[in-house]
Amino acid sequence: MKKRILIVDDDRQAANMLVDIFTVNGYLTDGAYSGKEALKMIKGQEYDCVLSDIKMSEMNGVELMRAVKKMAPGIPFVLMTAYTDDELLFEGIRKGALVTLVKPLQIETLIINIAQILK
């Protein structure tokens, strides 16, 4: 059975690229362009993993993770950021992100990390 991943990034080009990459690699993949959109999607669909950018307008990735964990406590959450010294990165780790990845993403590493999480 294929695993379903939700990609969340307010950079539409980045989100769409990741959706394409994971789809080609055999996953059912949806994209959301904001935290609020992601929460609506999670209410209507069960996901096996969420991959979210940290820096987003309206709701950042850590806030999204907190909201998702209230709705679906067991869902694995992966955060990504271009800012390695960002306090949100450390907060994400403290609040339960399984993996934090630094942009630009190493696609092979990302796919391996997600595959291991979904085993």
Protein backbone atom coordinates (compact mmCIF):
# COMPACT_ATOMS: atom_id res chain seq x y z
CA MET A 1 0.00 0.00 0.00
CA LYS A 2 1.37 3.40 -0.98
CA LYS A 3 2.16 5.84 1.79
CA ARG A 4 0.63 9.33 1.69
CA ILE A 5 2.78 12.40 2.35
CA LEU A 6 1.72 16.01 2.79
CA ILE A 7 4.26 18.61 1.66
CA VAL A 8 3.77 22.10 3.16
CA ASP A 9 5.68 25.11 1.86
CA ASP A 10 4.52 28.64 1.06
CA ASP A 11 7.02 28.62 -1.81
CA ARG A 12 4.73 27.02 -4.40
CA GLN A 13 7.60 26.10 -6.71
CA ALA A 14 9.45 24.27 -3.91
CA ALA A 15 6.28 22.51 -2.76
CA ASN A 16 5.38 21.40 -6.28
CA MET A 17 8.91 20.15 -6.90
CA LEU A 18 8.80 18.01 -3.75
CA VAL A 19 5.33 16.70 -4.63
CA ASP A 20 6.68 15.65 -8.03
CA ILE A 21 9.80 14.03 -6.55
CA PHE A 22 7.85 11.96 -4.02
CA THR A 23 5.17 11.03 -6.55
CA VAL A 24 7.85 9.72 -8.95
CA ASN A 25 9.30 7.75 -6.02
CA GLY A 26 6.03 5.92 -5.47
CA TYR A 27 4.28 7.96 -2.79
CA LEU A 28 0.80 9.48 -2.83
CA THR A 29 1.72 13.11 -2.34
CA ASP A 30 -0.31 16.27 -1.77
CA GLY A 31 0.91 19.83 -1.52
CA ALA A 32 -0.31 22.66 0.70
CA TYR A 33 0.91 26.25 0.44
CA SER A 34 0.15 27.36 4.00
CA GLY A 35 -0.26 25.93 7.45
CA LYS A 36 -3.99 26.69 7.42
CA GLU A 37 -4.43 24.88 4.11
CA ALA A 38 -2.46 21.92 5.48
CA LEU A 39 -4.71 21.67 8.55
CA LYS A 40 -7.82 21.59 6.34
CA MET A 41 -6.26 18.82 4.27
CA ILE A 42 -5.34 16.79 7.37
CA LYS A 43 -8.93 17.02 8.61
CA GLY A 44 -10.15 15.45 5.37
CA GLN A 45 -7.38 12.94 4.63
CA GLU A 46 -5.15 10.60 6.60
CA TYR A 47 -1.42 11.15 6.03
CA ASP A 48 1.51 8.92 6.90
CA CYS A 49 3.95 11.84 7.16
CA VAL A 50 4.08 15.64 6.96
CA LEU A 51 7.10 17.45 5.51
CA SER A 52 6.91 21.17 6.24
CA ASP A 53 9.00 24.27 5.79
CA ILE A 54 9.59 26.16 9.04
CA LYS A 55 9.53 29.74 7.72
CA MET A 56 6.03 30.44 6.40
CA SER A 57 3.73 33.42 6.69
CA GLU A 58 0.64 33.25 8.91
CA MET A 59 1.61 29.95 10.61
CA ASN A 60 5.19 28.70 10.80
CA GLY A 61 6.13 25.03 10.58
CA VAL A 62 6.52 24.57 14.34
CA GLU A 63 3.05 26.04 14.97
CA LEU A 64 1.69 23.74 12.26
CA MET A 65 3.40 20.75 13.86
CA ARG A 66 1.84 21.57 17.25
CA ALA A 67 -1.64 21.80 15.68
CA VAL A 68 -1.17 18.58 13.70
CA LYS A 69 0.06 16.70 16.79
CA LYS A 70 -3.18 17.68 18.58
CA MET A 71 -5.27 16.31 15.70
CA ALA A 72 -3.13 13.27 14.84
CA PRO A 73 -0.57 12.66 17.61
CA GLY A 74 1.19 9.76 15.92
CA ILE A 75 1.87 11.38 12.56
CA PRO A 76 5.60 11.72 11.81
CA PHE A 77 6.61 15.33 11.18
CA VAL A 78 9.71 16.47 9.29
CA LEU A 79 10.78 20.12 9.28
CA MET A 80 12.98 21.81 6.70
CA THR A 81 14.60 25.24 6.73
CA ALA A 82 17.18 27.36 4.99
CA TYR A 83 18.18 28.90 8.32
CA THR A 84 20.46 26.64 10.38
CA ASP A 85 20.73 28.95 13.38
CA ASP A 86 17.03 29.69 13.63
CA GLU A 87 15.48 29.32 17.09
CA LEU A 88 12.41 27.78 15.42
CA LEU A 89 14.61 24.92 14.21
CA PHE A 90 15.62 24.09 17.78
CA GLU A 91 12.06 24.50 19.01
CA GLY A 92 10.88 22.10 16.32
CA ILE A 93 13.34 19.49 17.52
CA ARG A 94 12.27 20.00 21.14
CA LYS A 95 8.58 19.75 20.21
CA GLY A 96 8.92 16.43 18.41
CA ALA A 97 10.05 16.82 14.83
CA LEU A 98 11.60 13.50 13.82
CA VAL A 99 14.05 15.07 11.39
CA THR A 100 15.05 18.61 10.57
CA LEU A 101 16.57 19.18 7.16
CA VAL A 102 18.50 22.17 5.92
CA LYS A 103 17.83 23.69 2.49
CA PRO A 104 19.00 23.33 -0.16
CA LEU A 105 17.78 19.81 0.37
CA GLN A 106 19.85 16.83 -0.62
CA ILE A 107 17.05 14.99 -2.41
CA GLU A 108 18.56 11.51 -1.99
CA THR A 109 18.99 12.10 1.76
CA LEU A 110 15.44 13.41 2.02
CA ILE A 111 13.99 10.36 0.26
CA ILE A 112 16.04 7.99 2.45
CA ASN A 113 14.94 9.80 5.64
CA ILE A 114 11.27 9.67 4.67
CA ALA A 115 11.51 6.00 3.66
CA GLN A 116 13.05 5.15 7.04
CA ILE A 117 10.39 7.11 8.91
CA LEU A 118 7.59 5.34 7.01
CA LYS A 119 8.90 1.81 7.62
